[in-house]
């Protein structure tokens, strides 16, 4: 009888160990994909950066806005927009033109001056 109780105790303890530790539900498994459509939106983060650089050689001020998605637990992994995911950048309500994609980063050209509000939108399924 002691052996049966001991085995039952071990099985019970093994079943109670683990979990997320924060009382919430466990995170979804990482699909190890480069495509945003393969991830639950809770596993991705959107990053946006606005920059204006003055070129001494050209005498111009270049304003660029960059946007990209990253997997939350691995900032080194490129995640490319795919499926129904889209990123839109607006400057004072006017949609900016996408000019270039480098790796998984989208580059937009912004107005040279006078922008009061930038809006960054990441959508899935509209």
Protein backbone atom coordinates (compact mmCIF):
# COMPACT_ATOMS: atom_id res chain seq x y z
CA UNK A 1 0.00 0.00 0.00
CA UNK A 2 2.87 2.37 0.73
CA UNK A 3 4.24 1.95 -2.79
CA UNK A 4 0.88 2.78 -4.32
CA UNK A 5 0.52 5.94 -2.24
CA UNK A 6 4.08 6.99 -3.03
CA UNK A 7 3.52 6.55 -6.78
CA UNK A 8 0.23 8.42 -6.59
CA UNK A 9 1.96 11.28 -4.74
CA UNK A 10 4.71 11.51 -7.33
CA UNK A 11 2.21 11.57 -10.19
CA UNK A 12 0.19 14.30 -8.45
CA UNK A 13 3.29 16.44 -7.85
CA UNK A 14 4.50 16.00 -11.41
CA UNK A 15 1.12 17.15 -12.68
CA UNK A 16 1.25 20.32 -10.56
CA UNK A 17 4.75 21.44 -11.59
CA UNK A 18 5.17 23.93 -14.43
CA UNK A 19 2.79 26.40 -15.98
CA UNK A 20 3.37 29.98 -16.91
CA UNK A 21 4.21 31.14 -13.40
CA UNK A 22 2.11 34.29 -13.71
CA UNK A 23 -1.26 32.66 -13.27
CA UNK A 24 -2.14 33.36 -16.91
CA UNK A 25 -2.50 30.99 -19.77
CA UNK A 26 0.67 29.57 -21.31
CA UNK A 27 1.97 31.30 -24.42
CA UNK A 28 1.44 29.77 -27.82
CA UNK A 29 4.29 27.75 -29.26
CA UNK A 30 6.84 29.59 -31.39
CA UNK A 31 6.39 28.48 -35.03
CA UNK A 32 9.96 29.62 -35.82
CA UNK A 33 8.70 31.21 -39.00
CA UNK A 34 9.74 34.35 -40.87
CA UNK A 35 6.14 35.12 -41.87
CA UNK A 36 3.88 37.22 -39.67
CA UNK A 37 0.77 35.25 -40.66
CA UNK A 38 2.18 32.21 -38.84
CA UNK A 39 2.14 33.99 -35.45
CA UNK A 40 -0.62 34.85 -33.06
CA UNK A 41 -0.66 38.66 -32.78
CA UNK A 42 0.11 38.40 -29.06
CA UNK A 43 3.54 36.98 -29.96
CA UNK A 44 4.54 39.91 -32.21
CA UNK A 45 5.52 43.49 -31.47
CA UNK A 46 5.52 46.38 -33.92
CA UNK A 47 8.44 48.80 -33.89
CA UNK A 48 8.37 52.26 -35.45
CA UNK A 49 11.12 54.84 -35.76
CA UNK A 50 11.06 58.34 -37.26
CA UNK A 51 14.34 59.95 -38.23
CA UNK A 52 15.42 63.11 -39.99
CA UNK A 53 18.99 63.31 -41.23
CA UNK A 54 20.71 66.25 -42.84
CA UNK A 55 23.01 65.28 -45.69
CA UNK A 56 26.01 67.61 -45.79
CA UNK A 57 27.00 66.44 -49.26
CA UNK A 58 23.52 66.91 -50.78
CA UNK A 59 22.40 69.79 -48.60
CA UNK A 60 19.07 68.04 -48.05
CA UNK A 61 17.17 66.95 -44.99
CA UNK A 62 15.93 63.40 -45.42
CA UNK A 63 13.03 62.30 -43.26
CA UNK A 64 12.43 58.60 -43.06
CA UNK A 65 10.09 56.46 -41.05
CA UNK A 66 10.78 52.78 -40.53
CA UNK A 67 8.45 50.06 -39.32
CA UNK A 68 8.83 46.35 -38.67
CA UNK A 69 7.42 43.43 -36.75
CA UNK A 70 9.47 41.32 -34.36
CA UNK A 71 8.87 38.12 -32.47
CA UNK A 72 8.62 39.14 -28.80
CA UNK A 73 11.07 36.60 -27.44
CA UNK A 74 13.71 36.82 -30.19
CA UNK A 75 14.57 40.33 -31.36
CA UNK A 76 17.14 38.97 -33.82
CA UNK A 77 14.59 37.12 -35.94
CA UNK A 78 13.26 38.84 -39.05
CA UNK A 79 9.48 38.67 -39.33
CA UNK A 80 8.16 39.59 -42.76
CA UNK A 81 4.64 40.93 -43.31
CA UNK A 82 2.54 38.23 -44.87
CA UNK A 83 -1.02 37.08 -45.21
CA UNK A 84 -3.52 39.75 -44.20
CA UNK A 85 -1.03 41.73 -42.07
CA UNK A 86 -0.30 45.28 -43.15
CA UNK A 87 1.49 48.32 -41.75
CA UNK A 88 0.42 51.84 -42.59
CA UNK A 89 2.09 55.12 -41.61
CA UNK A 90 0.26 58.45 -41.72
CA UNK A 91 1.69 61.95 -41.29
CA UNK A 92 -1.06 64.36 -40.18
CA UNK A 93 -3.64 61.93 -41.58
CA UNK A 94 -1.96 61.49 -44.98
CA UNK A 95 -0.79 57.97 -45.84
CA UNK A 96 2.95 57.81 -46.55
CA UNK A 97 4.29 55.97 -49.57
CA UNK A 98 6.30 52.81 -48.92
CA UNK A 99 9.63 53.31 -50.67
CA UNK A 100 11.81 50.38 -49.80
CA UNK A 101 11.97 47.15 -47.83
CA UNK A 102 15.33 46.15 -46.34
CA UNK A 103 15.24 42.70 -44.76
CA UNK A 104 11.97 42.91 -42.81
CA UNK A 105 12.04 46.69 -42.27
CA UNK A 106 9.65 48.91 -44.24
CA UNK A 107 10.97 52.37 -45.11
CA UNK A 108 8.69 55.34 -45.81
CA UNK A 109 9.65 58.87 -46.87
CA UNK A 110 8.10 61.49 -44.62
CA UNK A 111 7.43 65.17 -45.33
CA UNK A 112 10.50 67.36 -44.74
CA UNK A 113 8.86 69.50 -42.07
CA UNK A 114 5.62 70.52 -40.44
CA UNK A 115 4.35 67.10 -39.33
CA UNK A 116 2.39 67.38 -36.12
CA UNK A 117 1.27 63.78 -35.65
CA UNK A 118 2.57 60.48 -36.97
CA UNK A 119 0.21 57.51 -36.82
CA UNK A 120 1.49 53.96 -37.09
CA UNK A 121 -1.08 51.25 -37.77
CA UNK A 122 -0.55 47.49 -37.81
CA UNK A 123 -3.61 45.56 -38.96
CA UNK A 124 -4.52 41.93 -39.38
CA UNK A 125 -7.63 41.00 -41.37
CA UNK A 126 -8.48 44.67 -41.90
